[in-house]
Amino acid sequence: MEMKEKDQAVAAATDEQPVLKGTFAAVLLLGGFLAVTWFAVFLLFLSRQ
């Protein structure tokens, strides 16, 4: 009996977690944009010296 209650509690806990795939993709895109921008400004800095 206790095992069924534990399984139900675990199933309920996993159902309540939000799906974060969109958040992960947005963070990757933002990080990529920041990296590209940083390198573009760095190359501009090097070309002006």
PDB file of N, CA and C in Angstrom:
ATOM      1  N   MET A   1       0.809  -1.202   0.000  1.00  0.00           N
ATOM      2  CA  MET A   1       0.000   0.000   0.000  1.00  0.00           C
ATOM      3  C   MET A   1       0.849   1.261   0.000  1.00  0.00           C
ATOM      4  N   GLU A   2       1.892   1.246   0.792  1.00  0.00           N
ATOM      5  CA  GLU A   2       2.736   2.438   0.871  1.00  0.00           C
ATOM      6  C   GLU A   2       3.435   2.720  -0.448  1.00  0.00           C
ATOM      7  N   MET A   3       3.769   1.688  -1.192  1.00  0.00           N
ATOM      8  CA  MET A   3       4.469   1.863  -2.457  1.00  0.00           C
ATOM      9  C   MET A   3       3.577   2.582  -3.471  1.00  0.00           C
ATOM     10  N   LYS A   4       2.292   2.248  -3.501  1.00  0.00           N
ATOM     11  CA  LYS A   4       1.378   2.908  -4.436  1.00  0.00           C
ATOM     12  C   LYS A   4       1.258   4.388  -4.106  1.00  0.00           C
ATOM     13  N   GLU A   5       1.192   4.717  -2.835  1.00  0.00           N
ATOM     14  CA  GLU A   5       1.093   6.118  -2.434  1.00  0.00           C
ATOM     15  C   GLU A   5       2.354   6.872  -2.821  1.00  0.00           C
ATOM     16  N   LYS A   6       3.498   6.222  -2.646  1.00  0.00           N
ATOM     17  CA  LYS A   6       4.778   6.862  -3.007  1.00  0.00           C
ATOM     18  C   LYS A   6       4.855   7.080  -4.518  1.00  0.00           C
ATOM     19  N   ASP A   7       4.439   6.080  -5.307  1.00  0.00           N
ATOM     20  CA  ASP A   7       4.442   6.217  -6.763  1.00  0.00           C
ATOM     21  C   ASP A   7       3.512   7.339  -7.217  1.00  0.00           C
ATOM     22  N   GLN A   8       2.363   7.456  -6.585  1.00  0.00           N
ATOM     23  CA  GLN A   8       1.424   8.519  -6.929  1.00  0.00           C
ATOM     24  C   GLN A   8       2.004   9.882  -6.579  1.00  0.00           C
ATOM     25  N   ALA A   9       2.703   9.980  -5.460  1.00  0.00           N
ATOM     26  CA  ALA A   9       3.316  11.250  -5.061  1.00  0.00           C
ATOM     27  C   ALA A   9       4.417  11.646  -6.038  1.00  0.00           C
ATOM     28  N   VAL A  10       5.213  10.679  -6.485  1.00  0.00           N
ATOM     29  CA  VAL A  10       6.282  10.961  -7.447  1.00  0.00           C
ATOM     30  C   VAL A  10       5.675  11.384  -8.782  1.00  0.00           C
ATOM     31  N   ALA A  11       4.625  10.706  -9.225  1.00  0.00           N
ATOM     32  CA  ALA A  11       3.975  11.048 -10.488  1.00  0.00           C
ATOM     33  C   ALA A  11       3.367  12.445 -10.420  1.00  0.00           C
ATOM     34  N   ALA A  12       2.774  12.786  -9.299  1.00  0.00           N
ATOM     35  CA  ALA A  12       2.180  14.118  -9.143  1.00  0.00           C
ATOM     36  C   ALA A  12       3.257  15.190  -9.149  1.00  0.00           C
ATOM     37  N   ALA A  13       4.395  14.915  -8.536  1.00  0.00           N
ATOM     38  CA  ALA A  13       5.483  15.898  -8.480  1.00  0.00           C
ATOM     39  C   ALA A  13       6.068  16.131  -9.870  1.00  0.00           C
ATOM     40  N   THR A  14       6.183  15.093 -10.685  1.00  0.00           N
ATOM     41  CA  THR A  14       6.753  15.272 -12.022  1.00  0.00           C
ATOM     42  C   THR A  14       5.771  15.963 -12.952  1.00  0.00           C
ATOM     43  N   ASP A  15       4.484  15.793 -12.736  1.00  0.00           N
ATOM     44  CA  ASP A  15       3.485  16.446 -13.580  1.00  0.00           C
ATOM     45  C   ASP A  15       3.435  17.949 -13.343  1.00  0.00           C
ATOM     46  N   GLU A  16       3.828  18.396 -12.176  1.00  0.00           N
ATOM     47  CA  GLU A  16       3.722  19.808 -11.824  1.00  0.00           C
ATOM     48  C   GLU A  16       4.901  20.637 -12.306  1.00  0.00           C
ATOM     49  N   GLN A  17       5.966  19.999 -12.756  1.00  0.00           N
ATOM     50  CA  GLN A  17       7.149  20.751 -13.192  1.00  0.00           C
ATOM     51  C   GLN A  17       6.895  21.364 -14.564  1.00  0.00           C
ATOM     52  N   PRO A  18       7.253  22.631 -14.743  1.00  0.00           N
ATOM     53  CA  PRO A  18       7.020  23.278 -16.044  1.00  0.00           C
ATOM     54  C   PRO A  18       8.014  22.793 -17.093  1.00  0.00           C
ATOM     55  N   VAL A  19       7.625  22.881 -18.333  1.00  0.00           N
ATOM     56  CA  VAL A  19       8.507  22.527 -19.451  1.00  0.00           C
ATOM     57  C   VAL A  19       9.341  23.757 -19.773  1.00  0.00           C
ATOM     58  N   LEU A  20      10.653  23.614 -19.719  1.00  0.00           N
ATOM     59  CA  LEU A  20      11.549  24.760 -19.867  1.00  0.00           C
ATOM     60  C   LEU A  20      12.340  24.740 -21.176  1.00  0.00           C
ATOM     61  N   LYS A  21      11.863  24.018 -22.160  1.00  0.00           N
ATOM     62  CA  LYS A  21      12.578  23.958 -23.442  1.00  0.00           C
ATOM     63  C   LYS A  21      12.611  25.320 -24.120  1.00  0.00           C
ATOM     64  N   GLY A  22      11.524  26.053 -24.075  1.00  0.00           N
ATOM     65  CA  GLY A  22      11.480  27.380 -24.679  1.00  0.00           C
ATOM     66  C   GLY A  22      12.394  28.357 -23.968  1.00  0.00           C
ATOM     67  N   THR A  23      12.455  28.244 -22.658  1.00  0.00           N
ATOM     68  CA  THR A  23      13.338  29.111 -21.883  1.00  0.00           C
ATOM     69  C   THR A  23      14.795  28.823 -22.221  1.00  0.00           C
ATOM     70  N   PHE A  24      15.135  27.550 -22.344  1.00  0.00           N
ATOM     71  CA  PHE A  24      16.506  27.167 -22.686  1.00  0.00           C
ATOM     72  C   PHE A  24      16.883  27.707 -24.059  1.00  0.00           C
ATOM     73  N   ALA A  25      15.977  27.594 -25.018  1.00  0.00           N
ATOM     74  CA  ALA A  25      16.247  28.098 -26.370  1.00  0.00           C
ATOM     75  C   ALA A  25      16.424  29.615 -26.352  1.00  0.00           C
ATOM     76  N   ALA A  26      15.598  30.311 -25.582  1.00  0.00           N
ATOM     77  CA  ALA A  26      15.702  31.771 -25.514  1.00  0.00           C
ATOM     78  C   ALA A  26      17.027  32.194 -24.885  1.00  0.00           C
ATOM     79  N   VAL A  27      17.464  31.493 -23.861  1.00  0.00           N
ATOM     80  CA  VAL A  27      18.740  31.816 -23.207  1.00  0.00           C
ATOM     81  C   VAL A  27      19.902  31.548 -24.158  1.00  0.00           C
ATOM     82  N   LEU A  28      19.833  30.451 -24.922  1.00  0.00           N
ATOM     83  CA  LEU A  28      20.885  30.166 -25.905  1.00  0.00           C
ATOM     84  C   LEU A  28      20.939  31.248 -26.983  1.00  0.00           C
ATOM     85  N   LEU A  29      19.780  31.665 -27.468  1.00  0.00           N
ATOM     86  CA  LEU A  29      19.759  32.719 -28.487  1.00  0.00           C
ATOM     87  C   LEU A  29      20.305  34.031 -27.938  1.00  0.00           C
ATOM     88  N   LEU A  30      19.924  34.378 -26.729  1.00  0.00           N
ATOM     89  CA  LEU A  30      20.419  35.615 -26.122  1.00  0.00           C
ATOM     90  C   LEU A  30      21.929  35.538 -25.894  1.00  0.00           C
ATOM     91  N   GLY A  31      22.417  34.411 -25.407  1.00  0.00           N
ATOM     92  CA  GLY A  31      23.859  34.233 -25.213  1.00  0.00           C
ATOM     93  C   GLY A  31      24.619  34.287 -26.520  1.00  0.00           C
ATOM     94  N   GLY A  32      24.069  33.675 -27.573  1.00  0.00           N
ATOM     95  CA  GLY A  32      24.703  33.729 -28.886  1.00  0.00           C
ATOM     96  C   GLY A  32      24.754  35.145 -29.427  1.00  0.00           C
ATOM     97  N   PHE A  33      23.665  35.880 -29.237  1.00  0.00           N
ATOM     98  CA  PHE A  33      23.630  37.277 -29.682  1.00  0.00           C
ATOM     99  C   PHE A  33      24.682  38.103 -28.942  1.00  0.00           C
ATOM    100  N   LEU A  34      24.793  37.910 -27.639  1.00  0.00           N
ATOM    101  CA  LEU A  34      25.788  38.653 -26.858  1.00  0.00           C
ATOM    102  C   LEU A  34      27.212  38.298 -27.290  1.00  0.00           C
ATOM    103  N   ALA A  35      27.464  37.011 -27.539  1.00  0.00           N
ATOM    104  CA  ALA A  35      28.801  36.594 -27.963  1.00  0.00           C
ATOM    105  C   ALA A  35      29.155  37.184 -29.335  1.00  0.00           C
ATOM    106  N   VAL A  36      28.219  37.124 -30.281  1.00  0.00           N
ATOM    107  CA  VAL A  36      28.474  37.678 -31.618  1.00  0.00           C
ATOM    108  C   VAL A  36      28.696  39.180 -31.541  1.00  0.00           C
ATOM    109  N   THR A  37      27.884  39.871 -30.752  1.00  0.00           N
ATOM    110  CA  THR A  37      28.036  41.321 -30.599  1.00  0.00           C
ATOM    111  C   THR A  37      29.385  41.661 -29.974  1.00  0.00           C
ATOM    112  N   TRP A  38      29.775  40.910 -28.935  1.00  0.00           N
ATOM    113  CA  TRP A  38      31.054  41.167 -28.270  1.00  0.00           C
ATOM    114  C   TRP A  38      32.211  40.985 -29.254  1.00  0.00           C
ATOM    115  N   PHE A  39      32.186  39.897 -30.034  1.00  0.00           N
ATOM    116  CA  PHE A  39      33.266  39.663 -30.991  1.00  0.00           C
ATOM    117  C   PHE A  39      33.275  40.708 -32.104  1.00  0.00           C
ATOM    118  N   ALA A  40      32.112  41.168 -32.525  1.00  0.00           N
ATOM    119  CA  ALA A  40      32.054  42.203 -33.556  1.00  0.00           C
ATOM    120  C   ALA A  40      32.671  43.506 -33.046  1.00  0.00           C
ATOM    121  N   VAL A  41      32.360  43.875 -31.830  1.00  0.00           N
ATOM    122  CA  VAL A  41      32.935  45.098 -31.258  1.00  0.00           C
ATOM    123  C   VAL A  41      34.432  44.917 -31.032  1.00  0.00           C
ATOM    124  N   PHE A  42      34.858  43.742 -30.622  1.00  0.00           N
ATOM    125  CA  PHE A  42      36.279  43.475 -30.420  1.00  0.00           C
ATOM    126  C   PHE A  42      37.046  43.570 -31.737  1.00  0.00           C
ATOM    127  N   LEU A  43      36.476  43.000 -32.801  1.00  0.00           N
ATOM    128  CA  LEU A  43      37.129  43.094 -34.113  1.00  0.00           C
ATOM    129  C   LEU A  43      37.162  44.530 -34.612  1.00  0.00           C
ATOM    130  N   LEU A  44      36.131  45.289 -34.349  1.00  0.00           N
ATOM    131  CA  LEU A  44      36.117  46.699 -34.702  1.00  0.00           C
ATOM    132  C   LEU A  44      37.208  47.447 -33.939  1.00  0.00           C
ATOM    133  N   PHE A  45      37.374  47.130 -32.668  1.00  0.00           N
ATOM    134  CA  PHE A  45      38.426  47.720 -31.853  1.00  0.00           C
ATOM    135  C   PHE A  45      39.818  47.399 -32.418  1.00  0.00           C
ATOM    136  N   LEU A  46      40.029  46.146 -32.798  1.00  0.00           N
ATOM    137  CA  LEU A  46      41.325  45.742 -33.345  1.00  0.00           C
ATOM    138  C   LEU A  46      41.585  46.404 -34.695  1.00  0.00           C
ATOM    139  N   SER A  47      40.567  46.556 -35.505  1.00  0.00           N
ATOM    140  CA  SER A  47      40.787  47.126 -36.837  1.00  0.00           C
ATOM    141  C   SER A  47      41.095  48.617 -36.784  1.00  0.00           C
ATOM    142  N   ARG A  48      40.751  49.298 -35.714  1.00  0.00           N
ATOM    143  CA  ARG A  48      40.973  50.742 -35.624  1.00  0.00           C
ATOM    144  C   ARG A  48      42.318  51.085 -34.978  1.00  0.00           C
ATOM    145  N   GLN A  49      43.096  50.107 -34.609  1.00  0.00           N
ATOM    146  CA  GLN A  49      44.390  50.413 -34.001  1.00  0.00           C
ATOM    147  C   GLN A  49      45.491  50.432 -35.023  1.00  0.00           C
TER     148      GLN A  49
END
